Amino acid sequence: VGGVTIIEGIVLALFAVLFAWVALSFVSGLAG
């Protein structure tokens, strides 16, 4: 909204990895 600051960039990078981790577990659960 106001431009991505350095700290916000760190948050976005962390979120990407963590969300991918949760998403893989979710998809595996759906497959099961």
PDB file of all heavy atoms in Angstrom:
ATOM      1  N   VAL A   1       0.827  -1.211   0.000  1.00  0.00           N
ATOM      2  CA  VAL A   1       0.000   0.000   0.000  1.00  0.00           C
ATOM      3  C   VAL A   1       0.855   1.252   0.000  1.00  0.00           C
ATOM      4  O   VAL A   1       0.628   2.183  -0.761  1.00  0.00           O
ATOM      5  CB  VAL A   1      -0.949  -0.002   1.217  1.00  0.00           C
ATOM      6  CG1 VAL A   1      -1.708   1.309   1.306  1.00  0.00           C
ATOM      7  CG2 VAL A   1      -1.918  -1.174   1.114  1.00  0.00           C
ATOM      8  N   GLY A   2       1.869   1.263   0.871  1.00  0.00           N
ATOM      9  CA  GLY A   2       2.733   2.445   0.908  1.00  0.00           C
ATOM     10  C   GLY A   2       4.117   2.170   0.369  1.00  0.00           C
ATOM     11  O   GLY A   2       5.061   2.883   0.711  1.00  0.00           O
ATOM     12  N   GLY A   3       4.270   1.134  -0.429  1.00  0.00           N
ATOM     13  CA  GLY A   3       5.588   0.726  -0.883  1.00  0.00           C
ATOM     14  C   GLY A   3       6.182  -0.282   0.079  1.00  0.00           C
ATOM     15  O   GLY A   3       5.992  -0.185   1.290  1.00  0.00           O
ATOM     16  N   VAL A   4       6.900  -1.251  -0.445  1.00  0.00           N
ATOM     17  CA  VAL A   4       7.446  -2.331   0.371  1.00  0.00           C
ATOM     18  C   VAL A   4       8.791  -1.911   0.947  1.00  0.00           C
ATOM     19  O   VAL A   4       9.754  -1.703   0.213  1.00  0.00           O
ATOM     20  CB  VAL A   4       7.595  -3.625  -0.458  1.00  0.00           C
ATOM     21  CG1 VAL A   4       8.195  -4.737   0.394  1.00  0.00           C
ATOM     22  CG2 VAL A   4       6.244  -4.057  -1.008  1.00  0.00           C
ATOM     23  N   THR A   5       8.846  -1.754   2.273  1.00  0.00           N
ATOM     24  CA  THR A   5      10.079  -1.397   2.953  1.00  0.00           C
ATOM     25  C   THR A   5      10.966  -2.636   3.107  1.00  0.00           C
ATOM     26  O   THR A   5      10.559  -3.757   2.776  1.00  0.00           O
ATOM     27  CB  THR A   5       9.789  -0.803   4.336  1.00  0.00           C
ATOM     28  OG1 THR A   5       9.201  -1.823   5.157  1.00  0.00           O
ATOM     29  CG2 THR A   5       8.834   0.380   4.228  1.00  0.00           C
ATOM     30  N   ILE A   6      12.165  -2.433   3.655  1.00  0.00           N
ATOM     31  CA  ILE A   6      13.085  -3.560   3.849  1.00  0.00           C
ATOM     32  C   ILE A   6      12.486  -4.585   4.800  1.00  0.00           C
ATOM     33  O   ILE A   6      12.516  -5.796   4.545  1.00  0.00           O
ATOM     34  CB  ILE A   6      14.445  -3.058   4.382  1.00  0.00           C
ATOM     35  CG1 ILE A   6      15.149  -2.209   3.322  1.00  0.00           C
ATOM     36  CG2 ILE A   6      15.325  -4.237   4.800  1.00  0.00           C
ATOM     37  CD1 ILE A   6      16.465  -1.620   3.781  1.00  0.00           C
ATOM     38  N   ILE A   7      11.919  -4.097   5.909  1.00  0.00           N
ATOM     39  CA  ILE A   7      11.329  -5.026   6.882  1.00  0.00           C
ATOM     40  C   ILE A   7      10.145  -5.750   6.261  1.00  0.00           C
ATOM     41  O   ILE A   7       9.957  -6.959   6.453  1.00  0.00           O
ATOM     42  CB  ILE A   7      10.909  -4.281   8.160  1.00  0.00           C
ATOM     43  CG1 ILE A   7      12.133  -3.696   8.852  1.00  0.00           C
ATOM     44  CG2 ILE A   7      10.165  -5.212   9.113  1.00  0.00           C
ATOM     45  CD1 ILE A   7      11.814  -2.922  10.113  1.00  0.00           C
ATOM     46  N   GLU A   8       9.330  -5.015   5.493  1.00  0.00           N
ATOM     47  CA  GLU A   8       8.186  -5.654   4.839  1.00  0.00           C
ATOM     48  C   GLU A   8       8.652  -6.681   3.808  1.00  0.00           C
ATOM     49  O   GLU A   8       8.011  -7.719   3.612  1.00  0.00           O
ATOM     50  CB  GLU A   8       7.303  -4.584   4.192  1.00  0.00           C
ATOM     51  CG  GLU A   8       6.539  -3.757   5.217  1.00  0.00           C
ATOM     52  CD  GLU A   8       5.795  -2.596   4.578  1.00  0.00           C
ATOM     53  OE1 GLU A   8       6.219  -2.140   3.489  1.00  0.00           O
ATOM     54  OE2 GLU A   8       4.801  -2.145   5.161  1.00  0.00           O
ATOM     55  N   GLY A   9       9.762  -6.413   3.149  1.00  0.00           N
ATOM     56  CA  GLY A   9      10.312  -7.394   2.215  1.00  0.00           C
ATOM     57  C   GLY A   9      10.741  -8.670   2.923  1.00  0.00           C
ATOM     58  O   GLY A   9      10.540  -9.778   2.417  1.00  0.00           O
ATOM     59  N   ILE A  10      11.321  -8.506   4.125  1.00  0.00           N
ATOM     60  CA  ILE A  10      11.702  -9.681   4.915  1.00  0.00           C
ATOM     61  C   ILE A  10      10.460 -10.474   5.302  1.00  0.00           C
ATOM     62  O   ILE A  10      10.444 -11.712   5.220  1.00  0.00           O
ATOM     63  CB  ILE A  10      12.496  -9.243   6.165  1.00  0.00           C
ATOM     64  CG1 ILE A  10      13.850  -8.648   5.748  1.00  0.00           C
ATOM     65  CG2 ILE A  10      12.691 -10.417   7.124  1.00  0.00           C
ATOM     66  CD1 ILE A  10      14.623  -8.032   6.892  1.00  0.00           C
ATOM     67  N   VAL A  11       9.416  -9.748   5.731  1.00  0.00           N
ATOM     68  CA  VAL A  11       8.162 -10.411   6.093  1.00  0.00           C
ATOM     69  C   VAL A  11       7.593 -11.169   4.908  1.00  0.00           C
ATOM     70  O   VAL A  11       7.133 -12.315   5.036  1.00  0.00           O
ATOM     71  CB  VAL A  11       7.142  -9.376   6.624  1.00  0.00           C
ATOM     72  CG1 VAL A  11       5.742  -9.981   6.692  1.00  0.00           C
ATOM     73  CG2 VAL A  11       7.558  -8.886   7.998  1.00  0.00           C
ATOM     74  N   LEU A  12       7.628 -10.571   3.722  1.00  0.00           N
ATOM     75  CA  LEU A  12       7.083 -11.215   2.532  1.00  0.00           C
ATOM     76  C   LEU A  12       7.876 -12.477   2.186  1.00  0.00           C
ATOM     77  O   LEU A  12       7.292 -13.518   1.842  1.00  0.00           O
ATOM     78  CB  LEU A  12       7.100 -10.241   1.357  1.00  0.00           C
ATOM     79  CG  LEU A  12       6.435 -10.729   0.061  1.00  0.00           C
ATOM     80  CD1 LEU A  12       4.948 -11.003   0.301  1.00  0.00           C
ATOM     81  CD2 LEU A  12       6.632  -9.712  -1.055  1.00  0.00           C
ATOM     82  N   ALA A  13       9.202 -12.404   2.293  1.00  0.00           N
ATOM     83  CA  ALA A  13      10.030 -13.579   1.986  1.00  0.00           C
ATOM     84  C   ALA A  13       9.766 -14.702   2.991  1.00  0.00           C
ATOM     85  O   ALA A  13       9.639 -15.873   2.606  1.00  0.00           O
ATOM     86  CB  ALA A  13      11.500 -13.181   2.005  1.00  0.00           C
ATOM     87  N   LEU A  14       9.694 -14.359   4.275  1.00  0.00           N
ATOM     88  CA  LEU A  14       9.395 -15.368   5.285  1.00  0.00           C
ATOM     89  C   LEU A  14       8.017 -15.978   5.061  1.00  0.00           C
ATOM     90  O   LEU A  14       7.831 -17.198   5.161  1.00  0.00           O
ATOM     91  CB  LEU A  14       9.469 -14.747   6.691  1.00  0.00           C
ATOM     92  CG  LEU A  14      10.862 -14.391   7.212  1.00  0.00           C
ATOM     93  CD1 LEU A  14      10.753 -13.586   8.506  1.00  0.00           C
ATOM     94  CD2 LEU A  14      11.682 -15.652   7.442  1.00  0.00           C
ATOM     95  N   PHE A  15       7.056 -15.128   4.741  1.00  0.00           N
ATOM     96  CA  PHE A  15       5.696 -15.612   4.517  1.00  0.00           C
ATOM     97  C   PHE A  15       5.652 -16.574   3.337  1.00  0.00           C
ATOM     98  O   PHE A  15       4.945 -17.588   3.374  1.00  0.00           O
ATOM     99  CB  PHE A  15       4.748 -14.439   4.276  1.00  0.00           C
ATOM    100  CG  PHE A  15       3.336 -14.853   4.011  1.00  0.00           C
ATOM    101  CD1 PHE A  15       2.478 -15.156   5.049  1.00  0.00           C
ATOM    102  CD2 PHE A  15       2.850 -14.957   2.708  1.00  0.00           C
ATOM    103  CE1 PHE A  15       1.175 -15.559   4.809  1.00  0.00           C
ATOM    104  CE2 PHE A  15       1.548 -15.359   2.458  1.00  0.00           C
ATOM    105  CZ  PHE A  15       0.707 -15.654   3.521  1.00  0.00           C
ATOM    106  N   ALA A  16       6.409 -16.281   2.275  1.00  0.00           N
ATOM    107  CA  ALA A  16       6.399 -17.142   1.090  1.00  0.00           C
ATOM    108  C   ALA A  16       6.860 -18.550   1.443  1.00  0.00           C
ATOM    109  O   ALA A  16       6.239 -19.550   1.042  1.00  0.00           O
ATOM    110  CB  ALA A  16       7.288 -16.541   0.004  1.00  0.00           C
ATOM    111  N   VAL A  17       7.952 -18.660   2.201  1.00  0.00           N
ATOM    112  CA  VAL A  17       8.471 -19.977   2.568  1.00  0.00           C
ATOM    113  C   VAL A  17       7.504 -20.695   3.502  1.00  0.00           C
ATOM    114  O   VAL A  17       7.187 -21.883   3.313  1.00  0.00           O
ATOM    115  CB  VAL A  17       9.854 -19.836   3.227  1.00  0.00           C
ATOM    116  CG1 VAL A  17      10.348 -21.192   3.715  1.00  0.00           C
ATOM    117  CG2 VAL A  17      10.849 -19.227   2.242  1.00  0.00           C
ATOM    118  N   LEU A  18       7.012 -19.985   4.506  1.00  0.00           N
ATOM    119  CA  LEU A  18       6.126 -20.605   5.494  1.00  0.00           C
ATOM    120  C   LEU A  18       4.791 -21.002   4.880  1.00  0.00           C
ATOM    121  O   LEU A  18       4.236 -22.062   5.200  1.00  0.00           O
ATOM    122  CB  LEU A  18       5.912 -19.649   6.673  1.00  0.00           C
ATOM    123  CG  LEU A  18       7.170 -19.355   7.500  1.00  0.00           C
ATOM    124  CD1 LEU A  18       6.907 -18.214   8.487  1.00  0.00           C
ATOM    125  CD2 LEU A  18       7.635 -20.592   8.240  1.00  0.00           C
ATOM    126  N   PHE A  19       4.259 -20.171   4.005  1.00  0.00           N
ATOM    127  CA  PHE A  19       2.978 -20.493   3.377  1.00  0.00           C
ATOM    128  C   PHE A  19       3.134 -21.690   2.441  1.00  0.00           C
ATOM    129  O   PHE A  19       2.243 -22.544   2.359  1.00  0.00           O
ATOM    130  CB  PHE A  19       2.447 -19.281   2.611  1.00  0.00           C
ATOM    131  CG  PHE A  19       0.992 -19.395   2.248  1.00  0.00           C
ATOM    132  CD1 PHE A  19       0.008 -19.030   3.152  1.00  0.00           C
ATOM    133  CD2 PHE A  19       0.604 -19.881   1.006  1.00  0.00           C
ATOM    134  CE1 PHE A  19      -1.334 -19.133   2.827  1.00  0.00           C
ATOM    135  CE2 PHE A  19      -0.733 -19.997   0.671  1.00  0.00           C
ATOM    136  CZ  PHE A  19      -1.714 -19.623   1.594  1.00  0.00           C
ATOM    137  N   ALA A  20       4.267 -21.780   1.737  1.00  0.00           N
ATOM    138  CA  ALA A  20       4.518 -22.945   0.879  1.00  0.00           C
ATOM    139  C   ALA A  20       4.567 -24.216   1.717  1.00  0.00           C
ATOM    140  O   ALA A  20       4.069 -25.274   1.307  1.00  0.00           O
ATOM    141  CB  ALA A  20       5.818 -22.756   0.109  1.00  0.00           C
ATOM    142  N   TRP A  21       5.177 -24.121   2.889  1.00  0.00           N
ATOM    143  CA  TRP A  21       5.264 -25.270   3.805  1.00  0.00           C
ATOM    144  C   TRP A  21       3.864 -25.731   4.210  1.00  0.00           C
ATOM    145  O   TRP A  21       3.545 -26.918   4.166  1.00  0.00           O
ATOM    146  CB  TRP A  21       6.083 -24.853   5.019  1.00  0.00           C
ATOM    147  CG  TRP A  21       6.235 -25.891   6.074  1.00  0.00           C
ATOM    148  CD1 TRP A  21       5.469 -26.048   7.198  1.00  0.00           C
ATOM    149  CD2 TRP A  21       7.206 -26.936   6.115  1.00  0.00           C
ATOM    150  NE1 TRP A  21       5.900 -27.120   7.935  1.00  0.00           N
ATOM    151  CE2 TRP A  21       6.973 -27.676   7.298  1.00  0.00           C
ATOM    152  CE3 TRP A  21       8.250 -27.308   5.286  1.00  0.00           C
ATOM    153  CZ2 TRP A  21       7.746 -28.770   7.646  1.00  0.00           C
ATOM    154  CZ3 TRP A  21       9.029 -28.390   5.633  1.00  0.00           C
ATOM    155  CH2 TRP A  21       8.766 -29.111   6.804  1.00  0.00           C
ATOM    156  N   VAL A  22       3.013 -24.776   4.602  1.00  0.00           N
ATOM    157  CA  VAL A  22       1.646 -25.103   5.005  1.00  0.00           C
ATOM    158  C   VAL A  22       0.850 -25.627   3.815  1.00  0.00           C
ATOM    159  O   VAL A  22       0.061 -26.569   3.943  1.00  0.00           O
ATOM    160  CB  VAL A  22       0.968 -23.866   5.624  1.00  0.00           C
ATOM    161  CG1 VAL A  22      -0.501 -24.141   5.925  1.00  0.00           C
ATOM    162  CG2 VAL A  22       1.686 -23.449   6.903  1.00  0.00           C
ATOM    163  N   ALA A  23       1.057 -25.023   2.640  1.00  0.00           N
ATOM    164  CA  ALA A  23       0.303 -25.427   1.445  1.00  0.00           C
ATOM    165  C   ALA A  23       0.622 -26.860   1.049  1.00  0.00           C
ATOM    166  O   ALA A  23      -0.278 -27.628   0.671  1.00  0.00           O
ATOM    167  CB  ALA A  23       0.609 -24.478   0.289  1.00  0.00           C
ATOM    168  N   LEU A  24       1.899 -27.266   1.123  1.00  0.00           N
ATOM    169  CA  LEU A  24       2.266 -28.640   0.773  1.00  0.00           C
ATOM    170  C   LEU A  24       1.600 -29.635   1.720  1.00  0.00           C
ATOM    171  O   LEU A  24       1.087 -30.676   1.281  1.00  0.00           O
ATOM    172  CB  LEU A  24       3.785 -28.812   0.815  1.00  0.00           C
ATOM    173  CG  LEU A  24       4.318 -30.218   0.528  1.00  0.00           C
ATOM    174  CD1 LEU A  24       3.895 -30.687  -0.860  1.00  0.00           C
ATOM    175  CD2 LEU A  24       5.835 -30.260   0.668  1.00  0.00           C
ATOM    176  N   SER A  25       1.588 -29.317   3.003  1.00  0.00           N
ATOM    177  CA  SER A  25       0.921 -30.192   3.973  1.00  0.00           C
ATOM    178  C   SER A  25      -0.573 -30.269   3.695  1.00  0.00           C
ATOM    179  O   SER A  25      -1.182 -31.347   3.772  1.00  0.00           O
ATOM    180  CB  SER A  25       1.177 -29.665   5.390  1.00  0.00           C
ATOM    181  OG  SER A  25       0.506 -30.448   6.351  1.00  0.00           O
ATOM    182  N   PHE A  26      -1.174 -29.133   3.346  1.00  0.00           N
ATOM    183  CA  PHE A  26      -2.607 -29.096   3.052  1.00  0.00           C
ATOM    184  C   PHE A  26      -2.939 -29.946   1.823  1.00  0.00           C
ATOM    185  O   PHE A  26      -3.885 -30.748   1.842  1.00  0.00           O
ATOM    186  CB  PHE A  26      -3.030 -27.643   2.820  1.00  0.00           C
ATOM    187  CG  PHE A  26      -4.444 -27.484   2.328  1.00  0.00           C
ATOM    188  CD1 PHE A  26      -5.518 -27.575   3.203  1.00  0.00           C
ATOM    189  CD2 PHE A  26      -4.703 -27.244   0.985  1.00  0.00           C
ATOM    190  CE1 PHE A  26      -6.823 -27.430   2.750  1.00  0.00           C
ATOM    191  CE2 PHE A  26      -6.001 -27.095   0.527  1.00  0.00           C
ATOM    192  CZ  PHE A  26      -7.060 -27.193   1.412  1.00  0.00           C
ATOM    193  N   VAL A  27      -2.151 -29.804   0.773  1.00  0.00           N
ATOM    194  CA  VAL A  27      -2.411 -30.551  -0.463  1.00  0.00           C
ATOM    195  C   VAL A  27      -2.220 -32.046  -0.225  1.00  0.00           C
ATOM    196  O   VAL A  27      -2.996 -32.879  -0.725  1.00  0.00           O
ATOM    197  CB  VAL A  27      -1.503 -30.037  -1.591  1.00  0.00           C
ATOM    198  CG1 VAL A  27      -1.616 -30.929  -2.818  1.00  0.00           C
ATOM    199  CG2 VAL A  27      -1.866 -28.610  -1.953  1.00  0.00           C
ATOM    200  N   SER A  28      -1.188 -32.417   0.547  1.00  0.00           N
ATOM    201  CA  SER A  28      -0.987 -33.833   0.869  1.00  0.00           C
ATOM    202  C   SER A  28      -2.178 -34.379   1.652  1.00  0.00           C
ATOM    203  O   SER A  28      -2.604 -35.523   1.431  1.00  0.00           O
ATOM    204  CB  SER A  28       0.298 -34.006   1.683  1.00  0.00           C
ATOM    205  OG  SER A  28       1.427 -33.731   0.906  1.00  0.00           O
ATOM    206  N   GLY A  29      -2.706 -33.557   2.574  1.00  0.00           N
ATOM    207  CA  GLY A  29      -3.893 -33.976   3.321  1.00  0.00           C
ATOM    208  C   GLY A  29      -5.093 -34.186   2.418  1.00  0.00           C
ATOM    209  O   GLY A  29      -5.844 -35.161   2.576  1.00  0.00           O
ATOM    210  N   LEU A  30      -5.279 -33.289   1.457  1.00  0.00           N
ATOM    211  CA  LEU A  30      -6.379 -33.456   0.495  1.00  0.00           C
ATOM    212  C   LEU A  30      -6.216 -34.754  -0.293  1.00  0.00           C
ATOM    213  O   LEU A  30      -7.193 -35.483  -0.532  1.00  0.00           O
ATOM    214  CB  LEU A  30      -6.409 -32.274  -0.473  1.00  0.00           C
ATOM    215  CG  LEU A  30      -7.034 -30.961  -0.001  1.00  0.00           C
ATOM    216  CD1 LEU A  30      -7.016 -29.945  -1.135  1.00  0.00           C
ATOM    217  CD2 LEU A  30      -8.459 -31.170   0.483  1.00  0.00           C
ATOM    218  N   ALA A  31      -4.983 -35.039  -0.701  1.00  0.00           N
ATOM    219  CA  ALA A  31      -4.729 -36.275  -1.447  1.00  0.00           C
ATOM    220  C   ALA A  31      -5.051 -37.491  -0.587  1.00  0.00           C
ATOM    221  O   ALA A  31      -5.636 -38.473  -1.072  1.00  0.00           O
ATOM    222  CB  ALA A  31      -3.272 -36.316  -1.903  1.00  0.00           C
ATOM    223  N   GLY A  32      -4.681 -37.445   0.687  1.00  0.00           N
ATOM    224  CA  GLY A  32      -4.991 -38.552   1.585  1.00  0.00           C
ATOM    225  C   GLY A  32      -6.479 -38.727   1.785  1.00  0.00           C
ATOM    226  O   GLY A  32      -6.986 -39.859   1.834  1.00  0.00           O
TER     227      GLY A  32
END
